[in-house]
PDB file of N, CA and C in Angstrom:
ATOM      1  N   LEU A   1     120.730  98.917 125.318  1.00  0.00           N
ATOM      2  CA  LEU A   1     121.253 100.203 124.849  1.00  0.00           C
ATOM      3  C   LEU A   1     122.050 100.682 125.799  1.00  0.00           C
ATOM      4  N   LYS A   2     121.738 100.655 126.976  1.00  0.00           N
ATOM      5  CA  LYS A   2     122.520 101.360 128.037  1.00  0.00           C
ATOM      6  C   LYS A   2     123.912 100.437 127.915  1.00  0.00           C
ATOM      7  N   SER A   3     123.991  99.189 127.806  1.00  0.00           N
ATOM      8  CA  SER A   3     125.280  98.427 127.870  1.00  0.00           C
ATOM      9  C   SER A   3     126.063  98.827 126.691  1.00  0.00           C
ATOM     10  N   LEU A   4     125.700  98.838 125.531  1.00  0.00           N
ATOM     11  CA  LEU A   4     126.058  99.424 124.315  1.00  0.00           C
ATOM     12  C   LEU A   4     126.879 100.850 124.412  1.00  0.00           C
ATOM     13  N   GLN A   5     125.987 101.767 124.987  1.00  0.00           N
ATOM     14  CA  GLN A   5     126.610 102.952 125.240  1.00  0.00           C
ATOM     15  C   GLN A   5     127.688 102.964 126.113  1.00  0.00           C
ATOM     16  N   LYS A   6     127.752 102.175 127.115  1.00  0.00           N
ATOM     17  CA  LYS A   6     128.779 102.139 128.190  1.00  0.00           C
ATOM     18  C   LYS A   6     129.869 101.518 127.712  1.00  0.00           C
ATOM     19  N   GLN A   7     129.926 100.380 126.734  1.00  0.00           N
ATOM     20  CA  GLN A   7     130.848 100.039 125.953  1.00  0.00           C
ATOM     21  C   GLN A   7     131.768 100.806 125.029  1.00  0.00           C
ATOM     22  N   LEU A   8     130.750 101.750 124.432  1.00  0.00           N
ATOM     23  CA  LEU A   8     131.268 102.694 123.291  1.00  0.00           C
ATOM     24  C   LEU A   8     132.005 103.777 124.030  1.00  0.00           C
ATOM     25  N   ALA A   9     131.394 104.163 125.395  1.00  0.00           N
ATOM     26  CA  ALA A   9     132.182 105.155 126.044  1.00  0.00           C
ATOM     27  C   ALA A   9     133.370 104.814 126.612  1.00  0.00           C
ATOM     28  N   ASP A  10     133.500 103.411 127.167  1.00  0.00           N
ATOM     29  CA  ASP A  10     134.586 102.756 127.629  1.00  0.00           C
ATOM     30  C   ASP A  10     135.814 102.854 126.622  1.00  0.00           C
ATOM     31  N   ALA A  11     135.328 102.444 125.449  1.00  0.00           N
ATOM     32  CA  ALA A  11     136.270 102.445 124.362  1.00  0.00           C
ATOM     33  C   ALA A  11     136.612 103.675 123.750  1.00  0.00           C
ATOM     34  N   GLY A  12     136.040 104.785 124.341  1.00  0.00           N
ATOM     35  CA  GLY A  12     136.265 106.100 123.738  1.00  0.00           C
ATOM     36  C   GLY A  12     135.714 106.337 122.370  1.00  0.00           C
ATOM     37  N   LEU A  13     134.637 105.664 122.007  1.00  0.00           N
ATOM     38  CA  LEU A  13     133.875 105.908 120.854  1.00  0.00           C
ATOM     39  C   LEU A  13     132.405 106.389 120.782  1.00  0.00           C
ATOM     40  N   THR A  14     132.139 106.860 119.717  1.00  0.00           N
ATOM     41  CA  THR A  14     130.918 107.506 119.560  1.00  0.00           C
ATOM     42  C   THR A  14     130.253 106.814 118.427  1.00  0.00           C
ATOM     43  N   ALA A  15     129.053 106.467 118.415  1.00  0.00           N
ATOM     44  CA  ALA A  15     128.222 105.832 117.517  1.00  0.00           C
ATOM     45  C   ALA A  15     127.606 106.863 116.630  1.00  0.00           C
ATOM     46  N   LEU A  16     127.902 106.843 115.279  1.00  0.00           N
ATOM     47  CA  LEU A  16     126.889 107.957 114.437  1.00  0.00           C
ATOM     48  C   LEU A  16     126.332 107.341 113.538  1.00  0.00           C
ATOM     49  N   ALA A  17     126.357 106.113 113.038  1.00  0.00           N
ATOM     50  CA  ALA A  17     125.389 105.476 112.038  1.00  0.00           C
ATOM     51  C   ALA A  17     125.252 104.091 112.308  1.00  0.00           C
ATOM     52  N   ALA A  18     124.095 103.648 111.682  1.00  0.00           N
ATOM     53  CA  ALA A  18     123.654 102.322 111.908  1.00  0.00           C
ATOM     54  C   ALA A  18     123.079 101.851 110.428  1.00  0.00           C
ATOM     55  N   PHE A  19     123.195 100.620 109.999  1.00  0.00           N
ATOM     56  CA  PHE A  19     122.621 100.018 108.917  1.00  0.00           C
ATOM     57  C   PHE A  19     121.406  99.020 109.577  1.00  0.00           C
ATOM     58  N   ILE A  20     120.106  99.386 109.080  1.00  0.00           N
ATOM     59  CA  ILE A  20     119.002  98.941 109.680  1.00  0.00           C
ATOM     60  C   ILE A  20     118.091  98.491 108.228  1.00  0.00           C
ATOM     61  N   VAL A  21     117.467  97.283 108.270  1.00  0.00           N
ATOM     62  CA  VAL A  21     116.680  96.831 107.245  1.00  0.00           C
ATOM     63  C   VAL A  21     115.432  96.317 107.907  1.00  0.00           C
ATOM     64  N   HIS A  22     114.294  96.880 107.537  1.00  0.00           N
ATOM     65  CA  HIS A  22     112.963  96.313 108.030  1.00  0.00           C
ATOM     66  C   HIS A  22     112.200  96.455 106.719  1.00  0.00           C
ATOM     67  N   PRO A  23     111.416  95.568 106.154  1.00  0.00           N
ATOM     68  CA  PRO A  23     110.782  95.425 104.860  1.00  0.00           C
ATOM     69  C   PRO A  23     109.446  96.429 104.691  1.00  0.00           C
ATOM     70  N   ILE A  24     109.667  97.822 104.993  1.00  0.00           N
ATOM     71  CA  ILE A  24     108.378  98.754 104.954  1.00  0.00           C
ATOM     72  C   ILE A  24     107.857  98.706 103.535  1.00  0.00           C
ATOM     73  N   SER A  25     108.584  98.368 102.503  1.00  0.00           N
ATOM     74  CA  SER A  25     107.965  98.364 101.019  1.00  0.00           C
ATOM     75  C   SER A  25     107.173  97.005 100.766  1.00  0.00           C
ATOM     76  N   SER A  26     107.099  96.037 101.789  1.00  0.00           N
ATOM     77  CA  SER A  26     106.468  95.011 101.362  1.00  0.00           C
ATOM     78  C   SER A  26     104.934  95.196 100.956  1.00  0.00           C
ATOM     79  N   PRO A  27     104.492  94.403  99.909  1.00  0.00           N
ATOM     80  CA  PRO A  27     103.196  94.636  99.284  1.00  0.00           C
ATOM     81  C   PRO A  27     102.168  93.751 100.343  1.00  0.00           C
ATOM     82  N   ASP A  28     102.785  93.132 100.929  1.00  0.00           N
ATOM     83  CA  ASP A  28     101.936  92.344 102.089  1.00  0.00           C
ATOM     84  C   ASP A  28     101.397  93.378 103.238  1.00  0.00           C
ATOM     85  N   GLU A  29     100.353  93.684 103.444  1.00  0.00           N
ATOM     86  CA  GLU A  29     100.237  94.790 104.377  1.00  0.00           C
ATOM     87  C   GLU A  29     100.402  94.361 106.040  1.00  0.00           C
ATOM     88  N   GLN A  30     100.160  93.207 106.305  1.00  0.00           N
ATOM     89  CA  GLN A  30     100.625  92.706 107.544  1.00  0.00           C
ATOM     90  C   GLN A  30     102.089  92.758 107.749  1.00  0.00           C
ATOM     91  N   HIS A  31     102.836  92.240 106.844  1.00  0.00           N
ATOM     92  CA  HIS A  31     104.374  92.282 106.817  1.00  0.00           C
ATOM     93  C   HIS A  31     104.880  93.790 106.877  1.00  0.00           C
ATOM     94  N   ARG A  32     104.140  94.578 105.968  1.00  0.00           N
ATOM     95  CA  ARG A  32     104.348  96.146 105.966  1.00  0.00           C
ATOM     96  C   ARG A  32     104.185  96.803 107.568  1.00  0.00           C
ATOM     97  N   ARG A  33     103.154  96.244 107.983  1.00  0.00           N
ATOM     98  CA  ARG A  33     102.949  97.105 109.310  1.00  0.00           C
ATOM     99  C   ARG A  33     103.778  96.608 110.514  1.00  0.00           C
ATOM    100  N   GLN A  34     104.150  95.255 110.276  1.00  0.00           N
ATOM    101  CA  GLN A  34     105.040  94.653 111.422  1.00  0.00           C
ATOM    102  C   GLN A  34     106.424  95.311 111.248  1.00  0.00           C
ATOM    103  N   ALA A  35     106.828  95.662 109.908  1.00  0.00           N
ATOM    104  CA  ALA A  35     108.002  96.193 109.596  1.00  0.00           C
ATOM    105  C   ALA A  35     108.081  97.795 110.112  1.00  0.00           C
ATOM    106  N   VAL A  36     107.004  98.447 109.882  1.00  0.00           N
ATOM    107  CA  VAL A  36     106.881  99.826 110.423  1.00  0.00           C
ATOM    108  C   VAL A  36     106.922  99.802 111.889  1.00  0.00           C
ATOM    109  N   ALA A  37     106.183  99.004 112.489  1.00  0.00           N
ATOM    110  CA  ALA A  37     106.378  98.949 114.010  1.00  0.00           C
ATOM    111  C   ALA A  37     108.006  98.650 114.505  1.00  0.00           C
ATOM    112  N   GLN A  38     108.771  97.756 113.803  1.00  0.00           N
ATOM    113  CA  GLN A  38     110.009  97.486 114.104  1.00  0.00           C
ATOM    114  C   GLN A  38     110.966  98.625 113.922  1.00  0.00           C
ATOM    115  N   TRP A  39     110.568  99.390 112.677  1.00  0.00           N
ATOM    116  CA  TRP A  39     111.301 100.891 112.419  1.00  0.00           C
ATOM    117  C   TRP A  39     111.043 101.856 113.590  1.00  0.00           C
ATOM    118  N   GLN A  40     109.850 101.866 113.949  1.00  0.00           N
ATOM    119  CA  GLN A  40     109.750 102.821 115.049  1.00  0.00           C
ATOM    120  C   GLN A  40     110.515 102.533 116.353  1.00  0.00           C
ATOM    121  N   LYS A  41     110.625 101.273 116.535  1.00  0.00           N
ATOM    122  CA  LYS A  41     111.717 100.814 117.809  1.00  0.00           C
ATOM    123  C   LYS A  41     113.148 101.021 117.335  1.00  0.00           C
ATOM    124  N   SER A  42     113.456 100.920 116.344  1.00  0.00           N
ATOM    125  CA  SER A  42     114.664 101.075 115.572  1.00  0.00           C
ATOM    126  C   SER A  42     115.120 102.699 115.681  1.00  0.00           C
ATOM    127  N   ILE A  43     114.225 103.483 115.325  1.00  0.00           N
ATOM    128  CA  ILE A  43     114.515 104.820 115.269  1.00  0.00           C
ATOM    129  C   ILE A  43     114.522 105.387 116.756  1.00  0.00           C
ATOM    130  N   ASP A  44     113.796 104.916 117.483  1.00  0.00           N
ATOM    131  CA  ASP A  44     113.789 105.165 118.984  1.00  0.00           C
ATOM    132  C   ASP A  44     115.179 104.850 119.708  1.00  0.00           C
ATOM    133  N   ALA A  45     115.637 103.772 119.091  1.00  0.00           N
ATOM    134  CA  ALA A  45     116.980 103.178 119.586  1.00  0.00           C
ATOM    135  C   ALA A  45     118.122 104.060 119.110  1.00  0.00           C
ATOM    136  N   ALA A  46     117.963 104.378 117.757  1.00  0.00           N
ATOM    137  CA  ALA A  46     119.200 105.087 117.242  1.00  0.00           C
ATOM    138  C   ALA A  46     119.075 106.527 117.877  1.00  0.00           C
ATOM    139  N   ALA A  47     117.872 107.040 118.115  1.00  0.00           N
ATOM    140  CA  ALA A  47     117.817 108.334 118.671  1.00  0.00           C
ATOM    141  C   ALA A  47     118.516 108.304 120.172  1.00  0.00           C
ATOM    142  N   HIS A  48     118.208 107.451 120.826  1.00  0.00           N
ATOM    143  CA  HIS A  48     118.769 106.998 122.197  1.00  0.00           C
ATOM    144  C   HIS A  48     120.403 107.067 122.249  1.00  0.00           C
ATOM    145  N   LEU A  49     120.819 106.340 121.155  1.00  0.00           N
ATOM    146  CA  LEU A  49     122.306 106.350 120.925  1.00  0.00           C
ATOM    147  C   LEU A  49     122.762 107.621 120.332  1.00  0.00           C
ATOM    148  N   GLY A  50     122.283 108.495 119.889  1.00  0.00           N
ATOM    149  CA  GLY A  50     122.517 109.549 119.502  1.00  0.00           C
ATOM    150  C   GLY A  50     123.097 109.363 118.026  1.00  0.00           C
ATOM    151  N   LEU A  51     122.457 108.739 117.133  1.00  0.00           N
ATOM    152  CA  LEU A  51     122.900 108.518 115.907  1.00  0.00           C
ATOM    153  C   LEU A  51     122.781 109.718 114.942  1.00  0.00           C
ATOM    154  N   LYS A  52     123.222 109.745 114.007  1.00  0.00           N
ATOM    155  CA  LYS A  52     122.767 111.061 112.997  1.00  0.00           C
ATOM    156  C   LYS A  52     122.540 110.410 111.760  1.00  0.00           C
ATOM    157  N   LEU A  53     122.715 109.316 111.280  1.00  0.00           N
ATOM    158  CA  LEU A  53     122.217 108.569 110.088  1.00  0.00           C
ATOM    159  C   LEU A  53     121.891 107.005 110.285  1.00  0.00           C
ATOM    160  N   VAL A  54     120.858 106.709 109.508  1.00  0.00           N
ATOM    161  CA  VAL A  54     120.612 105.367 109.337  1.00  0.00           C
ATOM    162  C   VAL A  54     120.557 105.167 107.982  1.00  0.00           C
ATOM    163  N   THR A  55     121.046 104.061 107.510  1.00  0.00           N
ATOM    164  CA  THR A  55     121.052 103.627 106.174  1.00  0.00           C
ATOM    165  C   THR A  55     120.294 102.378 106.119  1.00  0.00           C
ATOM    166  N   THR A  56     119.545 102.110 105.089  1.00  0.00           N
ATOM    167  CA  THR A  56     118.562 101.194 104.856  1.00  0.00           C
ATOM    168  C   THR A  56     118.753 100.700 103.247  1.00  0.00           C
ATOM    169  N   GLU A  57     117.774  99.599 102.984  1.00  0.00           N
ATOM    170  CA  GLU A  57     117.694  99.235 101.770  1.00  0.00           C
ATOM    171  C   GLU A  57     116.262  99.603 101.371  1.00  0.00           C
ATOM    172  N   LEU A  58     115.975  99.601  99.962  1.00  0.00           N
ATOM    173  CA  LEU A  58     114.662 100.073  99.703  1.00  0.00           C
ATOM    174  C   LEU A  58     113.487  98.993  99.760  1.00  0.00           C
ATOM    175  N   THR A  59     114.110  97.816  99.735  1.00  0.00           N
ATOM    176  CA  THR A  59     113.116  96.499  99.936  1.00  0.00           C
ATOM    177  C   THR A  59     112.057  96.353  98.981  1.00  0.00           C
ATOM    178  N   GLY A  60     111.068  95.667  99.171  1.00  0.00           N
ATOM    179  CA  GLY A  60     109.804  95.535  98.331  1.00  0.00           C
ATOM    180  C   GLY A  60     110.156  94.370  97.478  1.00  0.00           C
ATOM    181  N   GLU A  61     109.193  94.433  96.308  1.00  0.00           N
ATOM    182  CA  GLU A  61     109.478  93.133  95.540  1.00  0.00           C
ATOM    183  C   GLU A  61     109.726  93.689  93.840  1.00  0.00           C
ATOM    184  N   LEU A  62     110.807  93.298  93.305  1.00  0.00           N
ATOM    185  CA  LEU A  62     111.137  93.850  92.048  1.00  0.00           C
ATOM    186  C   LEU A  62     109.767  93.638  90.993  1.00  0.00           C
ATOM    187  N   ALA A  63     109.358  92.351  91.056  1.00  0.00           N
ATOM    188  CA  ALA A  63     108.016  92.069  90.322  1.00  0.00           C
ATOM    189  C   ALA A  63     106.677  92.882  90.529  1.00  0.00           C
ATOM    190  N   ARG A  64     106.858  93.447  91.475  1.00  0.00           N
ATOM    191  CA  ARG A  64     105.629  94.239  91.905  1.00  0.00           C
ATOM    192  C   ARG A  64     105.904  95.873  92.378  1.00  0.00           C
ATOM    193  N   PRO A  65     106.463  96.574  91.280  1.00  0.00           N
ATOM    194  CA  PRO A  65     107.061  97.804  91.786  1.00  0.00           C
ATOM    195  C   PRO A  65     106.081  98.677  92.213  1.00  0.00           C
ATOM    196  N   LYS A  66     104.947  98.758  91.556  1.00  0.00           N
ATOM    197  CA  LYS A  66     103.877  99.778  91.948  1.00  0.00           C
ATOM    198  C   LYS A  66     103.360  99.590  93.307  1.00  0.00           C
ATOM    199  N   GLU A  67     103.104  98.357  93.761  1.00  0.00           N
ATOM    200  CA  GLU A  67     102.667  97.968  95.011  1.00  0.00           C
ATOM    201  C   GLU A  67     103.726  98.263  95.969  1.00  0.00           C
ATOM    202  N   SER A  68     104.921  97.843  95.779  1.00  0.00           N
ATOM    203  CA  SER A  68     105.858  98.201  96.694  1.00  0.00           C
ATOM    204  C   SER A  68     106.125  99.581  97.042  1.00  0.00           C
ATOM    205  N   GLU A  69     106.123 100.533  95.764  1.00  0.00           N
ATOM    206  CA  GLU A  69     106.257 101.996  95.973  1.00  0.00           C
ATOM    207  C   GLU A  69     105.037 102.479  96.865  1.00  0.00           C
ATOM    208  N   ALA A  70     103.785 102.047  96.700  1.00  0.00           N
ATOM    209  CA  ALA A  70     102.748 102.425  97.523  1.00  0.00           C
ATOM    210  C   ALA A  70     102.830 101.933  98.867  1.00  0.00           C
ATOM    211  N   ALA A  71     103.413 100.898  99.024  1.00  0.00           N
ATOM    212  CA  ALA A  71     103.697 100.417 100.406  1.00  0.00           C
ATOM    213  C   ALA A  71     104.727 101.257 100.992  1.00  0.00           C
ATOM    214  N   PHE A  72     106.002 101.577 100.469  1.00  0.00           N
ATOM    215  CA  PHE A  72     106.871 102.611 100.946  1.00  0.00           C
ATOM    216  C   PHE A  72     106.300 103.753 101.121  1.00  0.00           C
ATOM    217  N   ARG A  73     105.534 104.347 100.274  1.00  0.00           N
ATOM    218  CA  ARG A  73     104.916 105.590 100.737  1.00  0.00           C
ATOM    219  C   ARG A  73     104.434 105.764 101.957  1.00  0.00           C
ATOM    220  N   LYS A  74     103.222 104.688 101.927  1.00  0.00           N
ATOM    221  CA  LYS A  74     102.519 104.757 103.163  1.00  0.00           C
ATOM    222  C   LYS A  74     103.193 104.385 104.427  1.00  0.00           C
ATOM    223  N   SER A  75     104.199 103.673 104.430  1.00  0.00           N
ATOM    224  CA  SER A  75     105.332 103.569 105.560  1.00  0.00           C
ATOM    225  C   SER A  75     106.008 104.776 106.096  1.00  0.00           C
ATOM    226  N   MET A  76     106.297 105.538 104.873  1.00  0.00           N
ATOM    227  CA  MET A  76     107.142 106.937 105.156  1.00  0.00           C
ATOM    228  C   MET A  76     106.184 107.787 105.773  1.00  0.00           C
ATOM    229  N   ASP A  77     104.880 107.764 105.356  1.00  0.00           N
ATOM    230  CA  ASP A  77     103.727 108.529 106.036  1.00  0.00           C
ATOM    231  C   ASP A  77     103.928 108.619 107.601  1.00  0.00           C
ATOM    232  N   VAL A  78     104.351 107.466 108.037  1.00  0.00           N
ATOM    233  CA  VAL A  78     104.233 107.219 109.379  1.00  0.00           C
ATOM    234  C   VAL A  78     105.611 107.465 109.885  1.00  0.00           C
ATOM    235  N   LEU A  79     106.655 106.937 109.323  1.00  0.00           N
ATOM    236  CA  LEU A  79     108.110 107.138 109.761  1.00  0.00           C
ATOM    237  C   LEU A  79     108.965 108.479 109.503  1.00  0.00           C
ATOM    238  N   LEU A  80     108.629 109.023 108.706  1.00  0.00           N
ATOM    239  CA  LEU A  80     109.487 110.268 108.083  1.00  0.00           C
ATOM    240  C   LEU A  80     109.095 111.291 109.150  1.00  0.00           C
ATOM    241  N   PRO A  81     108.125 111.604 109.767  1.00  0.00           N
ATOM    242  CA  PRO A  81     107.764 112.503 110.758  1.00  0.00           C
ATOM    243  C   PRO A  81     108.665 112.172 112.159  1.00  0.00           C
ATOM    244  N   ARG A  82     108.650 110.863 112.206  1.00  0.00           N
ATOM    245  CA  ARG A  82     109.756 110.500 113.292  1.00  0.00           C
ATOM    246  C   ARG A  82     111.094 110.734 113.200  1.00  0.00           C
ATOM    247  N   PHE A  83     111.483 110.357 112.024  1.00  0.00           N
ATOM    248  CA  PHE A  83     113.012 110.674 111.579  1.00  0.00           C
ATOM    249  C   PHE A  83     113.020 112.242 111.652  1.00  0.00           C
ATOM    250  N   GLU A  84     112.464 112.909 111.328  1.00  0.00           N
ATOM    251  CA  GLU A  84     112.386 114.373 111.401  1.00  0.00           C
ATOM    252  C   GLU A  84     112.482 114.970 112.726  1.00  0.00           C
ATOM    253  N   GLY A  85     111.430 114.461 113.552  1.00  0.00           N
ATOM    254  CA  GLY A  85     111.531 114.697 114.964  1.00  0.00           C
ATOM    255  C   GLY A  85     112.832 114.401 115.710  1.00  0.00           C
ATOM    256  N   THR A  86     113.512 113.522 115.410  1.00  0.00           N
ATOM    257  CA  THR A  86     114.818 113.011 116.035  1.00  0.00           C
ATOM    258  C   THR A  86     116.014 113.651 115.406  1.00  0.00           C
ATOM    259  N   GLY A  87     115.871 114.177 114.385  1.00  0.00           N
ATOM    260  CA  GLY A  87     117.233 114.796 113.396  1.00  0.00           C
ATOM    261  C   GLY A  87     117.838 113.793 112.722  1.00  0.00           C
ATOM    262  N   ILE A  88     117.493 112.527 112.719  1.00  0.00           N
ATOM    263  CA  ILE A  88     118.454 111.565 112.243  1.00  0.00           C
ATOM    264  C   ILE A  88     117.928 111.566 110.817  1.00  0.00           C
ATOM    265  N   CYS A  89     119.180 111.431 109.975  1.00  0.00           N
ATOM    266  CA  CYS A  89     118.886 111.301 108.577  1.00  0.00           C
ATOM    267  C   CYS A  89     118.844 109.974 108.052  1.00  0.00           C
ATOM    268  N   LEU A  90     117.933 109.344 107.068  1.00  0.00           N
ATOM    269  CA  LEU A  90     117.718 108.215 106.536  1.00  0.00           C
ATOM    270  C   LEU A  90     118.271 108.125 105.035  1.00  0.00           C
ATOM    271  N   SER A  91     119.194 107.250 104.960  1.00  0.00           N
ATOM    272  CA  SER A  91     119.577 107.133 103.343  1.00  0.00           C
ATOM    273  C   SER A  91     119.200 105.886 102.981  1.00  0.00           C
ATOM    274  N   VAL A  92     118.444 105.979 101.832  1.00  0.00           N
ATOM    275  CA  VAL A  92     117.826 104.733 101.209  1.00  0.00           C
ATOM    276  C   VAL A  92     118.451 104.237  99.940  1.00  0.00           C
ATOM    277  N   GLU A  93     118.998 103.087  99.812  1.00  0.00           N
ATOM    278  CA  GLU A  93     119.764 102.656  99.032  1.00  0.00           C
ATOM    279  C   GLU A  93     119.035 101.775  98.112  1.00  0.00           C
ATOM    280  N   PRO A  94     118.918 101.775  96.553  1.00  0.00           N
ATOM    281  CA  PRO A  94     118.301 100.603  96.014  1.00  0.00           C
ATOM    282  C   PRO A  94     119.491  99.380  95.940  1.00  0.00           C
ATOM    283  N   HIS A  95     118.909  98.262  96.012  1.00  0.00           N
ATOM    284  CA  HIS A  95     119.673  96.968  95.980  1.00  0.00           C
ATOM    285  C   HIS A  95     119.066  96.047  94.704  1.00  0.00           C
ATOM    286  N   PRO A  96     119.938  94.980  94.226  1.00  0.00           N
ATOM    287  CA  PRO A  96     119.118  94.199  93.405  1.00  0.00           C
ATOM    288  C   PRO A  96     118.226  93.253  94.021  1.00  0.00           C
ATOM    289  N   GLY A  97     117.018  93.399  93.460  1.00  0.00           N
ATOM    290  CA  GLY A  97     115.844  92.502  94.004  1.00  0.00           C
ATOM    291  C   GLY A  97     115.016  93.440  94.759  1.00  0.00           C
ATOM    292  N   ASP A  98     115.270  94.739  94.939  1.00  0.00           N
ATOM    293  CA  ASP A  98     114.425  95.808  95.457  1.00  0.00           C
ATOM    294  C   ASP A  98     113.282  96.069  94.438  1.00  0.00           C
ATOM    295  N   PHE A  99     112.432  96.901  94.652  1.00  0.00           N
ATOM    296  CA  PHE A  99     111.307  97.277  93.789  1.00  0.00           C
ATOM    297  C   PHE A  99     111.872  98.310  92.817  1.00  0.00           C
ATOM    298  N   TYR A 100     112.891  99.219  93.140  1.00  0.00           N
ATOM    299  CA  TYR A 100     113.928  99.703  92.190  1.00  0.00           C
ATOM    300  C   TYR A 100     115.159  99.366  92.506  1.00  0.00           C
ATOM    301  N   GLU A 101     115.976  99.061  91.323  1.00  0.00           N
ATOM    302  CA  GLU A 101     117.151  98.616  91.648  1.00  0.00           C
ATOM    303  C   GLU A 101     118.309  99.534  91.087  1.00  0.00           C
ATOM    304  N   ALA A 102     117.871 100.763  90.654  1.00  0.00           N
ATOM    305  CA  ALA A 102     118.844 101.783  90.139  1.00  0.00           C
ATOM    306  C   ALA A 102     118.644 103.082  90.927  1.00  0.00           C
ATOM    307  N   ALA A 103     119.487 103.831  90.779  1.00  0.00           N
ATOM    308  CA  ALA A 103     119.508 105.063  91.591  1.00  0.00           C
ATOM    309  C   ALA A 103     118.574 106.194  91.093  1.00  0.00           C
ATOM    310  N   GLN A 104     118.531 106.493  89.788  1.00  0.00           N
ATOM    311  CA  GLN A 104     117.726 107.454  89.320  1.00  0.00           C
ATOM    312  C   GLN A 104     116.126 107.352  89.750  1.00  0.00           C
ATOM    313  N   PRO A 105     115.491 106.341  89.591  1.00  0.00           N
ATOM    314  CA  PRO A 105     114.265 106.147  90.260  1.00  0.00           C
ATOM    315  C   PRO A 105     113.937 106.278  91.708  1.00  0.00           C
ATOM    316  N   THR A 106     115.027 105.773  92.338  1.00  0.00           N
ATOM    317  CA  THR A 106     115.054 105.786  93.966  1.00  0.00           C
ATOM    318  C   THR A 106     115.292 107.439  94.283  1.00  0.00           C
ATOM    319  N   LEU A 107     116.004 108.069  93.426  1.00  0.00           N
ATOM    320  CA  LEU A 107     116.323 109.353  93.820  1.00  0.00           C
ATOM    321  C   LEU A 107     115.041 110.317  93.517  1.00  0.00           C
ATOM    322  N   ALA A 108     114.501 110.111  92.469  1.00  0.00           N
ATOM    323  CA  ALA A 108     113.030 110.599  92.208  1.00  0.00           C
ATOM    324  C   ALA A 108     112.171 110.543  93.277  1.00  0.00           C
ATOM    325  N   LEU A 109     111.898 109.275  93.704  1.00  0.00           N
ATOM    326  CA  LEU A 109     110.963 108.990  94.952  1.00  0.00           C
ATOM    327  C   LEU A 109     111.357 109.604  95.901  1.00  0.00           C
ATOM    328  N   LEU A 110     112.569 109.595  96.377  1.00  0.00           N
ATOM    329  CA  LEU A 110     113.135 110.282  97.886  1.00  0.00           C
ATOM    330  C   LEU A 110     112.786 111.811  97.925  1.00  0.00           C
ATOM    331  N   ARG A 111     113.209 112.363  96.634  1.00  0.00           N
ATOM    332  CA  ARG A 111     113.123 113.798  96.349  1.00  0.00           C
ATOM    333  C   ARG A 111     111.740 114.322  96.314  1.00  0.00           C
ATOM    334  N   SER A 112     110.890 113.527  95.992  1.00  0.00           N
ATOM    335  CA  SER A 112     109.326 113.757  95.936  1.00  0.00           C
ATOM    336  C   SER A 112     108.782 113.908  97.290  1.00  0.00           C
ATOM    337  N   TYR A 113     109.515 113.783  98.355  1.00  0.00           N
ATOM    338  CA  TYR A 113     109.187 114.190  99.736  1.00  0.00           C
ATOM    339  C   TYR A 113     109.465 115.402 100.103  1.00  0.00           C
ATOM    340  N   GLY A 114     110.539 115.978  99.483  1.00  0.00           N
ATOM    341  CA  GLY A 114     111.178 117.348 100.022  1.00  0.00           C
ATOM    342  C   GLY A 114     111.589 117.452 101.304  1.00  0.00           C
ATOM    343  N   SER A 115     112.144 116.191 101.741  1.00  0.00           N
ATOM    344  CA  SER A 115     112.755 116.192 103.239  1.00  0.00           C
ATOM    345  C   SER A 115     114.285 116.275 103.204  1.00  0.00           C
ATOM    346  N   LYS A 116     114.791 117.156 104.114  1.00  0.00           N
ATOM    347  CA  LYS A 116     116.233 116.963 104.096  1.00  0.00           C
ATOM    348  C   LYS A 116     116.640 115.543 104.995  1.00  0.00           C
ATOM    349  N   ARG A 117     115.743 115.117 105.712  1.00  0.00           N
ATOM    350  CA  ARG A 117     116.189 113.836 106.519  1.00  0.00           C
ATOM    351  C   ARG A 117     116.019 112.619 105.775  1.00  0.00           C
ATOM    352  N   LEU A 118     115.247 112.532 104.359  1.00  0.00           N
ATOM    353  CA  LEU A 118     115.552 111.414 103.718  1.00  0.00           C
ATOM    354  C   LEU A 118     115.853 111.651 102.357  1.00  0.00           C
ATOM    355  N   GLN A 119     116.979 110.756 102.103  1.00  0.00           N
ATOM    356  CA  GLN A 119     117.941 111.154 101.166  1.00  0.00           C
ATOM    357  C   GLN A 119     118.614 109.746 100.583  1.00  0.00           C
ATOM    358  N   LYS A 120     119.222 109.751  99.445  1.00  0.00           N
ATOM    359  CA  LYS A 120     120.093 108.818  98.977  1.00  0.00           C
ATOM    360  C   LYS A 120     121.596 109.424  98.933  1.00  0.00           C
ATOM    361  N   LEU A 121     122.552 108.968  99.694  1.00  0.00           N
ATOM    362  CA  LEU A 121     123.839 109.830  99.842  1.00  0.00           C
ATOM    363  C   LEU A 121     124.510 109.452  98.567  1.00  0.00           C
ATOM    364  N   LEU A 122     124.973 110.691  97.939  1.00  0.00           N
ATOM    365  CA  LEU A 122     126.029 110.653  96.733  1.00  0.00           C
ATOM    366  C   LEU A 122     126.866 111.664  96.970  1.00  0.00           C
ATOM    367  N   GLY A 123     127.822 111.436  97.972  1.00  0.00           N
ATOM    368  CA  GLY A 123     128.866 112.030  98.517  1.00  0.00           C
ATOM    369  C   GLY A 123     128.511 113.493  99.026  1.00  0.00           C
ATOM    370  N   LYS A 124     127.315 113.759  99.467  1.00  0.00           N
ATOM    371  CA  LYS A 124     127.074 114.812 100.045  1.00  0.00           C
ATOM    372  C   LYS A 124     127.059 115.067 101.622  1.00  0.00           C
ATOM    373  N   GLN A 125     127.379 116.109 102.189  1.00  0.00           N
ATOM    374  CA  GLN A 125     127.242 116.179 103.517  1.00  0.00           C
ATOM    375  C   GLN A 125     125.928 116.095 104.150  1.00  0.00           C
ATOM    376  N   LEU A 126     125.746 115.498 105.165  1.00  0.00           N
ATOM    377  CA  LEU A 126     124.538 115.298 106.012  1.00  0.00           C
ATOM    378  C   LEU A 126     124.309 116.761 106.428  1.00  0.00           C
ATOM    379  N   VAL A 127     122.656 116.927 106.554  1.00  0.00           N
ATOM    380  CA  VAL A 127     122.345 118.074 107.244  1.00  0.00           C
ATOM    381  C   VAL A 127     122.516 118.159 108.775  1.00  0.00           C
ATOM    382  N   ASN A 128     122.635 119.138 109.314  1.00  0.00           N
ATOM    383  CA  ASN A 128     122.947 119.248 110.720  1.00  0.00           C
ATOM    384  C   ASN A 128     121.427 119.165 111.417  1.00  0.00           C
TER     385      ASN A 128
END
């Protein structure tokens, strides 16, 4: 991280965002727990770099949407407070093969948290 920060500074650049994917919606509990641990390290690294935004995919299994959503919720119970504590926004995007492939169910899921740090970006400005 120090090397990356130096390289960015030497180039006159500032990192603002990153795309990070760890399968926190995996219905496999061991896989999900490993992904949460990886996310915790990624959030710490993003905070260290001063990032304002992290984007990710919804992940999970299309054939197991209920179990994948439950895994996502369990993971976010751990990760969302960390995002809120760092001030980093997390944009979650559905993709083909994720447990939700469309925007509307993803938006409903994210809005259910009521967090300004958890969002699906639709041309909206990030919170400060």
